[in-house]
Amino acid sequence: MLKSVKECLDYTLLATDGEIGEVSDFLLDDELKLRYLVIGTGRWLPGKTVMLPLPGSARWIPRSRRWS
């Protein structure tokens, strides 16, 4: 399934114990492959961002606007 990067911004990232934050950006490699999700950590670590490597343990949940 193809998905627009713009459409995936602001998706919520879930951990086993609740929400971590929202997708604020993406990082691509030299071959334009998606390598990292940049996550705005919201209340978890206020004012911070983290990079989540892909592929990794994150999985997109269709129709829910969430990554888990």
N, C-alpha and C. Protein backbone atom coordinates (compact mmCIF):
# COMPACT_ATOMS: atom_id res chain seq x y z
N MET A 1 0.84 -1.17 0.00
CA MET A 1 0.00 0.00 0.00
C MET A 1 0.89 1.24 0.00
N LEU A 2 0.66 2.12 -0.95
CA LEU A 2 1.38 3.38 -0.99
C LEU A 2 0.67 4.39 -0.11
N LYS A 3 1.46 5.19 0.58
CA LYS A 3 0.92 6.18 1.49
C LYS A 3 1.70 7.47 1.28
N SER A 4 1.05 8.58 1.24
CA SER A 4 1.71 9.87 1.13
C SER A 4 2.42 10.20 2.44
N VAL A 5 3.67 10.66 2.33
CA VAL A 5 4.42 11.04 3.54
C VAL A 5 3.69 12.17 4.26
N LYS A 6 3.20 13.11 3.51
CA LYS A 6 2.48 14.25 4.10
C LYS A 6 1.26 13.77 4.90
N GLU A 7 0.60 12.75 4.40
CA GLU A 7 -0.57 12.20 5.07
C GLU A 7 -0.22 11.54 6.40
N CYS A 8 1.01 11.04 6.52
CA CYS A 8 1.43 10.33 7.73
C CYS A 8 1.95 11.24 8.84
N LEU A 9 2.19 12.51 8.53
CA LEU A 9 2.62 13.44 9.57
C LEU A 9 1.53 13.54 10.63
N ASP A 10 1.93 13.68 11.85
CA ASP A 10 1.03 13.78 13.01
C ASP A 10 0.40 12.45 13.41
N TYR A 11 0.78 11.35 12.78
CA TYR A 11 0.32 10.05 13.27
C TYR A 11 0.85 9.85 14.68
N THR A 12 0.12 9.18 15.52
CA THR A 12 0.51 8.94 16.90
C THR A 12 1.37 7.68 16.99
N LEU A 13 2.40 7.74 17.81
CA LEU A 13 3.26 6.58 18.05
C LEU A 13 2.89 5.99 19.41
N LEU A 14 2.59 4.70 19.42
CA LEU A 14 2.17 4.01 20.64
C LEU A 14 3.27 3.09 21.15
N ALA A 15 3.45 3.05 22.45
CA ALA A 15 4.33 2.08 23.10
C ALA A 15 3.41 1.11 23.86
N THR A 16 3.99 0.12 24.50
CA THR A 16 3.16 -0.85 25.23
C THR A 16 2.41 -0.19 26.39
N ASP A 17 2.93 0.93 26.89
CA ASP A 17 2.29 1.59 28.03
C ASP A 17 1.61 2.90 27.68
N GLY A 18 1.37 3.15 26.40
CA GLY A 18 0.64 4.35 26.01
C GLY A 18 1.31 5.13 24.89
N GLU A 19 0.82 6.35 24.66
CA GLU A 19 1.33 7.20 23.59
C GLU A 19 2.70 7.77 23.94
N ILE A 20 3.57 7.81 22.93
CA ILE A 20 4.90 8.42 23.09
C ILE A 20 4.92 9.81 22.47
N GLY A 21 4.28 9.97 21.34
CA GLY A 21 4.28 11.26 20.65
C GLY A 21 3.69 11.11 19.26
N GLU A 22 4.04 12.07 18.39
CA GLU A 22 3.51 12.08 17.03
C GLU A 22 4.64 12.18 16.02
N VAL A 23 4.41 11.62 14.83
CA VAL A 23 5.39 11.70 13.75
C VAL A 23 5.48 13.15 13.30
N SER A 24 6.69 13.72 13.38
CA SER A 24 6.86 15.11 12.97
C SER A 24 7.68 15.25 11.69
N ASP A 25 8.41 14.18 11.31
CA ASP A 25 9.23 14.24 10.11
C ASP A 25 9.72 12.84 9.76
N PHE A 26 10.38 12.73 8.62
CA PHE A 26 10.94 11.47 8.15
C PHE A 26 12.36 11.72 7.68
N LEU A 27 13.23 10.74 7.81
CA LEU A 27 14.58 10.83 7.25
C LEU A 27 14.77 9.71 6.24
N LEU A 28 15.28 10.08 5.07
CA LEU A 28 15.52 9.14 3.98
C LEU A 28 17.01 8.97 3.78
N ASP A 29 17.40 7.82 3.21
CA ASP A 29 18.81 7.62 2.89
C ASP A 29 19.09 8.17 1.49
N ASP A 30 20.32 7.94 0.99
CA ASP A 30 20.71 8.45 -0.32
C ASP A 30 19.91 7.83 -1.47
N GLU A 31 19.33 6.67 -1.23
CA GLU A 31 18.51 6.00 -2.24
C GLU A 31 17.02 6.33 -2.08
N LEU A 32 16.72 7.31 -1.22
CA LEU A 32 15.36 7.77 -0.93
C LEU A 32 14.50 6.70 -0.27
N LYS A 33 15.13 5.82 0.48
CA LYS A 33 14.38 4.82 1.25
C LYS A 33 14.14 5.40 2.64
N LEU A 34 12.95 5.19 3.16
CA LEU A 34 12.60 5.66 4.49
C LEU A 34 13.43 4.92 5.53
N ARG A 35 14.18 5.65 6.35
CA ARG A 35 15.06 5.03 7.34
C ARG A 35 14.68 5.36 8.77
N TYR A 36 14.12 6.55 9.02
CA TYR A 36 13.78 6.94 10.39
C TYR A 36 12.46 7.71 10.42
N LEU A 37 11.72 7.50 11.48
CA LEU A 37 10.60 8.38 11.82
C LEU A 37 11.13 9.36 12.86
N VAL A 38 10.84 10.63 12.69
CA VAL A 38 11.20 11.62 13.70
C VAL A 38 9.94 11.86 14.52
N ILE A 39 10.06 11.65 15.83
CA ILE A 39 8.90 11.68 16.72
C ILE A 39 9.01 12.87 17.66
N GLY A 40 7.98 13.73 17.65
CA GLY A 40 7.86 14.79 18.67
C GLY A 40 7.28 14.12 19.91
N THR A 41 8.00 14.16 21.02
CA THR A 41 7.65 13.33 22.17
C THR A 41 6.53 13.88 23.06
N GLY A 42 6.03 15.05 22.77
CA GLY A 42 4.87 15.56 23.51
C GLY A 42 5.06 15.56 25.01
N ARG A 43 4.11 14.96 25.73
CA ARG A 43 4.16 14.94 27.19
C ARG A 43 5.19 13.96 27.75
N TRP A 44 5.63 13.00 26.94
CA TRP A 44 6.58 11.99 27.39
C TRP A 44 7.93 12.63 27.72
N LEU A 45 8.49 13.42 26.81
CA LEU A 45 9.71 14.21 27.02
C LEU A 45 9.45 15.58 26.40
N PRO A 46 8.80 16.48 27.12
CA PRO A 46 8.37 17.76 26.54
C PRO A 46 9.49 18.52 25.83
N GLY A 47 9.19 18.99 24.62
CA GLY A 47 10.12 19.78 23.84
C GLY A 47 11.22 19.00 23.16
N LYS A 48 11.17 17.68 23.17
CA LYS A 48 12.22 16.84 22.59
C LYS A 48 11.70 16.10 21.37
N THR A 49 12.65 15.64 20.55
CA THR A 49 12.33 14.74 19.44
C THR A 49 13.27 13.55 19.51
N VAL A 50 12.81 12.42 19.01
CA VAL A 50 13.63 11.21 18.93
C VAL A 50 13.50 10.63 17.53
N MET A 51 14.50 9.85 17.12
CA MET A 51 14.46 9.19 15.82
C MET A 51 14.27 7.70 16.03
N LEU A 52 13.29 7.14 15.37
CA LEU A 52 13.00 5.72 15.45
C LEU A 52 13.43 5.07 14.14
N PRO A 53 14.43 4.15 14.20
CA PRO A 53 14.91 3.52 12.95
C PRO A 53 13.86 2.58 12.36
N LEU A 54 13.81 2.56 11.03
CA LEU A 54 12.93 1.66 10.29
C LEU A 54 13.77 0.86 9.30
N PRO A 55 13.52 -0.37 8.98
CA PRO A 55 12.49 -1.13 9.65
C PRO A 55 12.92 -1.44 11.07
N GLY A 56 11.99 -1.55 11.91
CA GLY A 56 12.25 -1.83 13.31
C GLY A 56 11.01 -2.41 13.92
N SER A 57 10.78 -2.09 15.14
CA SER A 57 9.64 -2.67 15.82
C SER A 57 8.35 -1.89 15.56
N ALA A 58 8.46 -0.74 14.89
CA ALA A 58 7.25 0.05 14.62
C ALA A 58 6.43 -0.59 13.52
N ARG A 59 5.15 -0.56 13.68
CA ARG A 59 4.27 -1.04 12.62
C ARG A 59 3.11 -0.08 12.50
N TRP A 60 2.72 0.19 11.28
CA TRP A 60 1.64 1.12 11.00
C TRP A 60 0.32 0.39 11.12
N ILE A 61 -0.64 0.99 11.79
CA ILE A 61 -1.97 0.40 11.93
C ILE A 61 -2.90 1.12 10.96
N PRO A 62 -3.27 0.46 9.86
CA PRO A 62 -4.09 1.12 8.85
C PRO A 62 -5.40 1.68 9.42
N ARG A 63 -5.81 2.81 8.86
CA ARG A 63 -7.06 3.50 9.19
C ARG A 63 -7.12 4.04 10.61
N SER A 64 -6.05 3.95 11.39
CA SER A 64 -6.13 4.45 12.76
C SER A 64 -5.27 5.69 12.99
N ARG A 65 -4.42 6.05 11.99
CA ARG A 65 -3.48 7.16 12.13
C ARG A 65 -2.53 6.93 13.29
N ARG A 66 -2.12 5.65 13.48
CA ARG A 66 -1.22 5.31 14.58
C ARG A 66 -0.11 4.38 14.12
N TRP A 67 1.03 4.51 14.77
CA TRP A 67 2.14 3.57 14.66
C TRP A 67 2.25 2.88 15.99
N SER A 68 2.54 1.63 15.99
CA SER A 68 2.63 0.89 17.25
C SER A 68 3.90 0.09 17.28
